[in-house]
Amino acid sequence: MTAACLLVVGTGASYADGVNTGYFGNVAILGYDPVAYFTDGRPTKGSPEIAKKWLGATWYFASAKHRDAFASEPVRYAPQYGGFCTLGTAFEQASANIDPEAWRIVDGKLYLFSGKEGLEEDFDAAPAPIIAKADAQWPGIEAKEFEARAADN
């Protein structure tokens, strides 16, 4: 596993009702448009002028069309594991530090990572077991993040 994912749960990151919003502000995916990964096949910065609130976080979009698509099916476009690093989630070390340029779509779902380094070796070679592991770990991580956020408020 890449060293970049080794940031332990409860590190002071913002967490809005199930969505990683990083360390600054309350914007999901560092302001990148979640729909663009699917429609454009690449990460695209969104605009604060084209935004939508969902699960307590603000999501930015590159176009009104993308915003409307997200509004109609947010679960389809939102990243897995609340936008935390997929590899970190699999190994119970949820990293709020994600790199929107480090991503994969597997079986129609968006997965984010904390960096591109090691992604091909650590994830691409065998994504299914990592996803299964992350799926199993996520409920516990999500509960810890929610508890940490509640304690901060």
N, C-alpha and C. Protein backbone atom coordinates (compact mmCIF):
# COMPACT_ATOMS: atom_id res chain seq x y z
N MET A 1 0.85 -1.17 0.00
CA MET A 1 0.00 0.00 0.00
C MET A 1 0.89 1.23 0.00
N THR A 2 0.47 2.25 -0.71
CA THR A 2 1.26 3.46 -0.78
C THR A 2 1.27 4.18 0.55
N ALA A 3 2.38 4.83 0.83
CA ALA A 3 2.51 5.57 2.08
C ALA A 3 1.52 6.72 2.14
N ALA A 4 1.09 7.22 1.01
CA ALA A 4 0.19 8.37 0.97
C ALA A 4 -1.15 8.09 1.63
N CYS A 5 -1.56 6.85 1.72
CA CYS A 5 -2.86 6.53 2.31
C CYS A 5 -2.78 6.32 3.82
N LEU A 6 -1.63 6.44 4.40
CA LEU A 6 -1.48 6.10 5.80
C LEU A 6 -1.79 7.24 6.75
N LEU A 7 -2.94 7.80 6.62
CA LEU A 7 -3.40 8.85 7.51
C LEU A 7 -4.55 8.27 8.31
N VAL A 8 -4.40 8.21 9.61
CA VAL A 8 -5.34 7.51 10.45
C VAL A 8 -6.64 8.28 10.63
N VAL A 9 -7.71 7.54 10.84
CA VAL A 9 -9.04 8.11 11.06
C VAL A 9 -9.01 9.07 12.25
N GLY A 10 -9.83 10.12 12.16
CA GLY A 10 -9.98 11.05 13.26
C GLY A 10 -8.85 12.07 13.32
N THR A 11 -8.42 12.57 12.20
CA THR A 11 -7.29 13.48 12.15
C THR A 11 -7.68 14.94 12.03
N GLY A 12 -8.94 15.25 12.26
CA GLY A 12 -9.35 16.64 12.20
C GLY A 12 -9.87 17.08 10.85
N ALA A 13 -10.06 16.17 9.95
CA ALA A 13 -10.61 16.52 8.64
C ALA A 13 -12.08 16.87 8.79
N SER A 14 -12.56 17.67 7.86
CA SER A 14 -13.98 17.98 7.85
C SER A 14 -14.74 16.77 7.31
N TYR A 15 -15.88 16.53 7.88
CA TYR A 15 -16.68 15.37 7.51
C TYR A 15 -18.13 15.78 7.59
N ALA A 16 -18.78 15.93 6.46
CA ALA A 16 -20.16 16.42 6.41
C ALA A 16 -21.13 15.29 6.15
N ASP A 17 -21.75 14.78 7.20
CA ASP A 17 -22.79 13.75 7.07
C ASP A 17 -22.45 12.65 6.07
N GLY A 18 -21.26 12.09 6.14
CA GLY A 18 -20.90 10.99 5.28
C GLY A 18 -20.01 11.35 4.12
N VAL A 19 -19.57 12.62 4.04
CA VAL A 19 -18.75 13.05 2.91
C VAL A 19 -17.46 13.69 3.42
N ASN A 20 -16.34 13.21 2.92
CA ASN A 20 -15.04 13.79 3.22
C ASN A 20 -14.94 15.14 2.52
N THR A 21 -14.75 16.19 3.28
CA THR A 21 -14.58 17.52 2.68
C THR A 21 -13.19 18.07 2.96
N GLY A 22 -12.26 17.19 3.26
CA GLY A 22 -10.87 17.60 3.45
C GLY A 22 -10.67 18.41 4.71
N TYR A 23 -9.62 19.18 4.72
CA TYR A 23 -9.27 19.92 5.92
C TYR A 23 -9.73 21.37 5.90
N PHE A 24 -10.14 21.85 4.75
CA PHE A 24 -10.53 23.25 4.65
C PHE A 24 -11.87 23.36 3.95
N GLY A 25 -12.79 24.05 4.57
CA GLY A 25 -14.09 24.27 3.93
C GLY A 25 -14.99 23.07 4.03
N ASN A 26 -16.04 23.12 3.27
CA ASN A 26 -17.05 22.07 3.31
C ASN A 26 -17.39 21.65 1.89
N VAL A 27 -16.37 21.57 1.03
CA VAL A 27 -16.57 21.27 -0.38
C VAL A 27 -16.06 19.85 -0.67
N ALA A 28 -16.92 19.05 -1.27
CA ALA A 28 -16.56 17.66 -1.61
C ALA A 28 -15.57 17.62 -2.78
N ILE A 29 -14.73 16.62 -2.78
CA ILE A 29 -13.75 16.33 -3.84
C ILE A 29 -12.90 17.56 -4.19
N LEU A 30 -12.61 18.38 -3.20
CA LEU A 30 -11.78 19.57 -3.41
C LEU A 30 -12.30 20.45 -4.54
N GLY A 31 -13.61 20.42 -4.74
CA GLY A 31 -14.23 21.27 -5.75
C GLY A 31 -14.28 20.67 -7.15
N TYR A 32 -13.93 19.41 -7.29
CA TYR A 32 -14.02 18.76 -8.61
C TYR A 32 -15.44 18.27 -8.85
N ASP A 33 -15.80 18.22 -10.11
CA ASP A 33 -17.13 17.83 -10.57
C ASP A 33 -17.21 16.29 -10.60
N PRO A 34 -18.03 15.67 -9.74
CA PRO A 34 -18.11 14.21 -9.73
C PRO A 34 -18.68 13.61 -11.01
N VAL A 35 -19.54 14.33 -11.68
CA VAL A 35 -20.17 13.82 -12.90
C VAL A 35 -19.16 13.77 -14.05
N ALA A 36 -18.22 14.69 -14.07
CA ALA A 36 -17.23 14.76 -15.15
C ALA A 36 -16.40 13.48 -15.26
N TYR A 37 -16.13 12.82 -14.15
CA TYR A 37 -15.37 11.56 -14.21
C TYR A 37 -16.07 10.57 -15.13
N PHE A 38 -17.39 10.56 -15.08
CA PHE A 38 -18.18 9.62 -15.86
C PHE A 38 -18.43 10.11 -17.28
N THR A 39 -18.78 11.37 -17.43
CA THR A 39 -19.18 11.87 -18.75
C THR A 39 -18.01 12.32 -19.60
N ASP A 40 -16.99 12.89 -18.96
CA ASP A 40 -15.84 13.41 -19.70
C ASP A 40 -14.63 12.48 -19.63
N GLY A 41 -14.68 11.52 -18.70
CA GLY A 41 -13.58 10.58 -18.55
C GLY A 41 -12.32 11.21 -17.97
N ARG A 42 -12.51 12.32 -17.24
CA ARG A 42 -11.36 12.98 -16.63
C ARG A 42 -11.83 13.87 -15.48
N PRO A 43 -10.94 14.16 -14.55
CA PRO A 43 -11.30 15.09 -13.48
C PRO A 43 -11.40 16.51 -14.03
N THR A 44 -12.42 17.22 -13.60
CA THR A 44 -12.64 18.59 -14.05
C THR A 44 -13.04 19.43 -12.85
N LYS A 45 -12.38 20.55 -12.68
CA LYS A 45 -12.73 21.47 -11.60
C LYS A 45 -14.15 21.99 -11.81
N GLY A 46 -14.91 22.03 -10.74
CA GLY A 46 -16.24 22.60 -10.79
C GLY A 46 -16.18 24.08 -10.43
N SER A 47 -17.34 24.71 -10.43
CA SER A 47 -17.43 26.14 -10.15
C SER A 47 -18.32 26.38 -8.93
N PRO A 48 -17.92 27.28 -8.05
CA PRO A 48 -18.78 27.61 -6.91
C PRO A 48 -20.13 28.19 -7.35
N GLU A 49 -20.18 28.73 -8.55
CA GLU A 49 -21.43 29.28 -9.06
C GLU A 49 -22.41 28.18 -9.52
N ILE A 50 -21.90 26.97 -9.72
CA ILE A 50 -22.76 25.86 -10.14
C ILE A 50 -22.59 24.77 -9.07
N ALA A 51 -23.31 24.92 -7.99
CA ALA A 51 -23.12 24.07 -6.82
C ALA A 51 -24.43 23.43 -6.39
N LYS A 52 -24.29 22.37 -5.60
CA LYS A 52 -25.43 21.66 -5.04
C LYS A 52 -25.03 21.14 -3.67
N LYS A 53 -25.89 21.31 -2.70
CA LYS A 53 -25.65 20.73 -1.37
C LYS A 53 -26.25 19.33 -1.33
N TRP A 54 -25.47 18.42 -0.78
CA TRP A 54 -25.94 17.04 -0.61
C TRP A 54 -25.16 16.42 0.54
N LEU A 55 -25.84 15.78 1.43
CA LEU A 55 -25.27 15.16 2.62
C LEU A 55 -24.41 16.15 3.43
N GLY A 56 -24.86 17.38 3.50
CA GLY A 56 -24.18 18.38 4.30
C GLY A 56 -22.95 18.98 3.67
N ALA A 57 -22.57 18.54 2.50
CA ALA A 57 -21.40 19.07 1.80
C ALA A 57 -21.85 19.83 0.56
N THR A 58 -20.99 20.71 0.09
CA THR A 58 -21.24 21.43 -1.15
C THR A 58 -20.45 20.75 -2.25
N TRP A 59 -21.11 20.49 -3.36
CA TRP A 59 -20.51 19.85 -4.52
C TRP A 59 -20.48 20.87 -5.65
N TYR A 60 -19.35 20.99 -6.31
CA TYR A 60 -19.21 21.91 -7.44
C TYR A 60 -19.30 21.14 -8.75
N PHE A 61 -19.79 21.83 -9.79
CA PHE A 61 -19.95 21.20 -11.09
C PHE A 61 -19.45 22.12 -12.19
N ALA A 62 -19.03 21.53 -13.29
CA ALA A 62 -18.51 22.29 -14.43
C ALA A 62 -19.63 22.85 -15.28
N SER A 63 -20.84 22.29 -15.14
CA SER A 63 -21.97 22.78 -15.93
C SER A 63 -23.27 22.52 -15.17
N ALA A 64 -24.29 23.26 -15.55
CA ALA A 64 -25.62 23.05 -14.96
C ALA A 64 -26.14 21.66 -15.31
N LYS A 65 -25.79 21.17 -16.49
CA LYS A 65 -26.21 19.83 -16.90
C LYS A 65 -25.63 18.77 -15.95
N HIS A 66 -24.37 18.93 -15.57
CA HIS A 66 -23.76 18.00 -14.63
C HIS A 66 -24.41 18.11 -13.26
N ARG A 67 -24.67 19.34 -12.80
CA ARG A 67 -25.33 19.54 -11.51
C ARG A 67 -26.69 18.86 -11.50
N ASP A 68 -27.44 19.02 -12.58
CA ASP A 68 -28.77 18.43 -12.65
C ASP A 68 -28.72 16.90 -12.69
N ALA A 69 -27.73 16.36 -13.38
CA ALA A 69 -27.56 14.91 -13.41
C ALA A 69 -27.26 14.39 -12.01
N PHE A 70 -26.38 15.08 -11.29
CA PHE A 70 -26.04 14.70 -9.92
C PHE A 70 -27.27 14.80 -9.02
N ALA A 71 -28.02 15.89 -9.16
CA ALA A 71 -29.21 16.10 -8.32
C ALA A 71 -30.22 14.98 -8.50
N SER A 72 -30.32 14.45 -9.71
CA SER A 72 -31.30 13.40 -9.96
C SER A 72 -30.83 12.02 -9.49
N GLU A 73 -29.49 11.80 -9.43
CA GLU A 73 -28.95 10.50 -9.02
C GLU A 73 -27.61 10.68 -8.28
N PRO A 74 -27.61 11.30 -7.12
CA PRO A 74 -26.33 11.58 -6.46
C PRO A 74 -25.53 10.32 -6.11
N VAL A 75 -26.20 9.27 -5.72
CA VAL A 75 -25.49 8.05 -5.35
C VAL A 75 -24.74 7.46 -6.55
N ARG A 76 -25.27 7.65 -7.73
CA ARG A 76 -24.62 7.15 -8.94
C ARG A 76 -23.26 7.83 -9.18
N TYR A 77 -23.18 9.11 -8.86
CA TYR A 77 -21.99 9.88 -9.19
C TYR A 77 -21.03 10.13 -8.02
N ALA A 78 -21.52 10.07 -6.81
CA ALA A 78 -20.67 10.36 -5.65
C ALA A 78 -19.59 9.30 -5.50
N PRO A 79 -18.41 9.70 -5.06
CA PRO A 79 -17.34 8.71 -4.86
C PRO A 79 -17.67 7.75 -3.73
N GLN A 80 -17.15 6.57 -3.83
CA GLN A 80 -17.34 5.56 -2.79
C GLN A 80 -16.60 5.97 -1.52
N TYR A 81 -17.03 5.43 -0.41
CA TYR A 81 -16.41 5.63 0.90
C TYR A 81 -16.36 7.10 1.29
N GLY A 82 -17.40 7.83 0.92
CA GLY A 82 -17.49 9.22 1.30
C GLY A 82 -16.41 10.10 0.71
N GLY A 83 -15.70 9.59 -0.29
CA GLY A 83 -14.63 10.36 -0.91
C GLY A 83 -13.28 10.19 -0.22
N PHE A 84 -13.19 9.26 0.72
CA PHE A 84 -11.90 8.95 1.34
C PHE A 84 -11.10 8.05 0.42
N CYS A 85 -9.80 7.98 0.63
CA CYS A 85 -8.91 7.15 -0.18
C CYS A 85 -9.36 5.68 -0.11
N THR A 86 -9.56 5.09 -1.26
CA THR A 86 -10.03 3.70 -1.34
C THR A 86 -9.03 2.74 -0.71
N LEU A 87 -7.75 2.90 -1.02
CA LEU A 87 -6.75 2.00 -0.44
C LEU A 87 -6.67 2.18 1.07
N GLY A 88 -6.71 3.41 1.53
CA GLY A 88 -6.69 3.67 2.97
C GLY A 88 -7.90 3.05 3.65
N THR A 89 -9.06 3.17 3.04
CA THR A 89 -10.28 2.60 3.60
C THR A 89 -10.15 1.08 3.71
N ALA A 90 -9.59 0.47 2.70
CA ALA A 90 -9.43 -0.99 2.71
C ALA A 90 -8.56 -1.45 3.88
N PHE A 91 -7.63 -0.61 4.30
CA PHE A 91 -6.70 -0.99 5.36
C PHE A 91 -6.96 -0.21 6.65
N GLU A 92 -8.22 0.24 6.83
CA GLU A 92 -8.66 0.96 8.03
C GLU A 92 -7.82 2.18 8.35
N GLN A 93 -7.33 2.85 7.35
CA GLN A 93 -6.54 4.05 7.55
C GLN A 93 -7.05 5.13 6.60
N ALA A 94 -8.27 5.53 6.83
CA ALA A 94 -8.94 6.46 5.92
C ALA A 94 -8.18 7.76 5.81
N SER A 95 -7.77 8.07 4.62
CA SER A 95 -7.06 9.32 4.36
C SER A 95 -8.02 10.35 3.82
N ALA A 96 -8.10 11.48 4.54
CA ALA A 96 -8.92 12.59 4.05
C ALA A 96 -8.18 13.32 2.94
N ASN A 97 -6.88 13.11 2.85
CA ASN A 97 -6.09 13.71 1.78
C ASN A 97 -6.31 12.90 0.52
N ILE A 98 -7.11 13.43 -0.37
CA ILE A 98 -7.32 12.75 -1.65
C ILE A 98 -6.77 13.64 -2.75
N ASP A 99 -6.43 13.00 -3.84
CA ASP A 99 -5.98 13.71 -5.03
C ASP A 99 -7.05 13.46 -6.09
N PRO A 100 -7.85 14.47 -6.44
CA PRO A 100 -8.91 14.26 -7.42
C PRO A 100 -8.41 13.76 -8.77
N GLU A 101 -7.10 13.88 -9.01
CA GLU A 101 -6.51 13.39 -10.25
C GLU A 101 -6.18 11.90 -10.16
N ALA A 102 -6.29 11.32 -8.96
CA ALA A 102 -6.02 9.89 -8.75
C ALA A 102 -7.37 9.20 -8.54
N TRP A 103 -7.86 8.56 -9.57
CA TRP A 103 -9.21 8.02 -9.53
C TRP A 103 -9.33 6.82 -10.45
N ARG A 104 -10.37 6.05 -10.21
CA ARG A 104 -10.72 4.94 -11.09
C ARG A 104 -12.24 4.79 -11.05
N ILE A 105 -12.80 4.32 -12.15
CA ILE A 105 -14.20 3.90 -12.18
C ILE A 105 -14.19 2.40 -12.41
N VAL A 106 -14.80 1.68 -11.48
CA VAL A 106 -14.88 0.23 -11.56
C VAL A 106 -16.35 -0.15 -11.38
N ASP A 107 -16.87 -0.90 -12.32
CA ASP A 107 -18.27 -1.34 -12.27
C ASP A 107 -19.22 -0.16 -12.04
N GLY A 108 -18.95 0.95 -12.71
CA GLY A 108 -19.83 2.11 -12.64
C GLY A 108 -19.75 2.92 -11.36
N LYS A 109 -18.71 2.69 -10.55
CA LYS A 109 -18.56 3.42 -9.29
C LYS A 109 -17.22 4.16 -9.30
N LEU A 110 -17.24 5.37 -8.72
CA LEU A 110 -16.06 6.21 -8.66
C LEU A 110 -15.28 5.95 -7.37
N TYR A 111 -13.99 5.70 -7.53
CA TYR A 111 -13.09 5.48 -6.41
C TYR A 111 -11.99 6.53 -6.47
N LEU A 112 -11.73 7.17 -5.33
CA LEU A 112 -10.68 8.18 -5.24
C LEU A 112 -9.52 7.65 -4.41
N PHE A 113 -8.36 8.24 -4.63
CA PHE A 113 -7.14 7.83 -3.95
C PHE A 113 -6.37 9.05 -3.50
N SER A 114 -5.43 8.85 -2.57
CA SER A 114 -4.67 9.97 -2.06
C SER A 114 -3.54 10.40 -2.98
N GLY A 115 -3.24 9.60 -3.98
CA GLY A 115 -2.20 9.96 -4.93
C GLY A 115 -2.08 8.90 -6.01
N LYS A 116 -1.37 9.25 -7.06
CA LYS A 116 -1.20 8.33 -8.19
C LYS A 116 -0.08 7.32 -7.96
N GLU A 117 0.83 7.65 -7.06
CA GLU A 117 1.98 6.78 -6.81
C GLU A 117 1.53 5.40 -6.32
N GLY A 118 1.93 4.38 -7.02
CA GLY A 118 1.61 3.01 -6.64
C GLY A 118 0.21 2.56 -7.02
N LEU A 119 -0.58 3.43 -7.61
CA LEU A 119 -1.97 3.09 -7.92
C LEU A 119 -2.06 1.90 -8.87
N GLU A 120 -1.22 1.88 -9.89
CA GLU A 120 -1.25 0.77 -10.85
C GLU A 120 -0.88 -0.54 -10.18
N GLU A 121 0.14 -0.51 -9.32
CA GLU A 121 0.58 -1.74 -8.66
C GLU A 121 -0.36 -2.16 -7.54
N ASP A 122 -0.82 -1.18 -6.77
CA ASP A 122 -1.58 -1.49 -5.56
C ASP A 122 -3.07 -1.69 -5.79
N PHE A 123 -3.63 -1.11 -6.85
CA PHE A 123 -5.07 -1.22 -7.07
C PHE A 123 -5.40 -1.86 -8.41
N ASP A 124 -4.82 -1.33 -9.47
CA ASP A 124 -5.19 -1.78 -10.81
C ASP A 124 -4.95 -3.27 -11.04
N ALA A 125 -3.93 -3.82 -10.41
CA ALA A 125 -3.60 -5.23 -10.61
C ALA A 125 -4.72 -6.15 -10.13
N ALA A 126 -5.41 -5.75 -9.07
CA ALA A 126 -6.50 -6.59 -8.54
C ALA A 126 -7.46 -5.72 -7.74
N PRO A 127 -8.34 -4.97 -8.42
CA PRO A 127 -9.24 -4.08 -7.69
C PRO A 127 -10.31 -4.78 -6.86
N ALA A 128 -10.82 -5.92 -7.31
CA ALA A 128 -11.95 -6.57 -6.63
C ALA A 128 -11.66 -6.88 -5.16
N PRO A 129 -10.53 -7.50 -4.82
CA PRO A 129 -10.32 -7.79 -3.40
C PRO A 129 -10.14 -6.52 -2.55
N ILE A 130 -9.56 -5.49 -3.14
CA ILE A 130 -9.39 -4.23 -2.40
C ILE A 130 -10.75 -3.58 -2.17
N ILE A 131 -11.58 -3.57 -3.19
CA ILE A 131 -12.92 -2.99 -3.05
C ILE A 131 -13.72 -3.78 -2.01
N ALA A 132 -13.63 -5.09 -2.05
CA ALA A 132 -14.35 -5.92 -1.07
C ALA A 132 -13.88 -5.60 0.35
N LYS A 133 -12.58 -5.44 0.51
CA LYS A 133 -12.02 -5.12 1.82
C LYS A 133 -12.48 -3.73 2.27
N ALA A 134 -12.45 -2.76 1.36
CA ALA A 134 -12.89 -1.41 1.69
C ALA A 134 -14.39 -1.39 2.01
N ASP A 135 -15.18 -2.14 1.25
CA ASP A 135 -16.61 -2.24 1.53
C ASP A 135 -16.85 -2.75 2.95
N ALA A 136 -16.06 -3.73 3.36
CA ALA A 136 -16.21 -4.31 4.70
C ALA A 136 -15.76 -3.33 5.80
N GLN A 137 -14.73 -2.55 5.52
CA GLN A 137 -14.18 -1.62 6.52
C GLN A 137 -14.96 -0.32 6.63
N TRP A 138 -15.59 0.11 5.54
CA TRP A 138 -16.21 1.43 5.50
C TRP A 138 -17.22 1.70 6.62
N PRO A 139 -18.13 0.79 6.94
CA PRO A 139 -19.11 1.12 8.00
C PRO A 139 -18.43 1.50 9.32
N GLY A 140 -17.39 0.81 9.70
CA GLY A 140 -16.68 1.14 10.94
C GLY A 140 -15.95 2.46 10.85
N ILE A 141 -15.33 2.73 9.71
CA ILE A 141 -14.63 3.99 9.51
C ILE A 141 -15.62 5.14 9.51
N GLU A 142 -16.73 4.95 8.82
CA GLU A 142 -17.75 6.00 8.76
C GLU A 142 -18.27 6.32 10.16
N ALA A 143 -18.50 5.29 10.97
CA ALA A 143 -18.98 5.50 12.34
C ALA A 143 -17.94 6.27 13.16
N LYS A 144 -16.67 5.93 13.01
CA LYS A 144 -15.60 6.65 13.74
C LYS A 144 -15.52 8.10 13.31
N GLU A 145 -15.63 8.35 12.03
CA GLU A 145 -15.58 9.72 11.52
C GLU A 145 -16.78 10.52 12.02
N PHE A 146 -17.95 9.90 12.03
CA PHE A 146 -19.14 10.59 12.51
C PHE A 146 -18.99 10.92 13.99
N GLU A 147 -18.48 9.96 14.78
CA GLU A 147 -18.26 10.19 16.21
C GLU A 147 -17.25 11.31 16.43
N ALA A 148 -16.17 11.30 15.67
CA ALA A 148 -15.14 12.34 15.82
C ALA A 148 -15.72 13.71 15.48
N ARG A 149 -16.52 13.78 14.44
CA ARG A 149 -17.13 15.05 14.04
C ARG A 149 -18.10 15.52 15.11
N ALA A 150 -18.91 14.61 15.66
CA ALA A 150 -19.87 14.96 16.69
C ALA A 150 -19.15 15.47 17.95
N ALA A 151 -18.01 14.88 18.27
CA ALA A 151 -17.24 15.31 19.44
C ALA A 151 -16.66 16.70 19.24
N ASP A 152 -16.33 17.04 17.97
CA ASP A 152 -15.77 18.36 17.68
C ASP A 152 -16.82 19.45 17.74
N ASN A 153 -18.11 19.08 17.60
CA ASN A 153 -19.19 20.09 17.57
C ASN A 153 -19.72 20.37 18.92
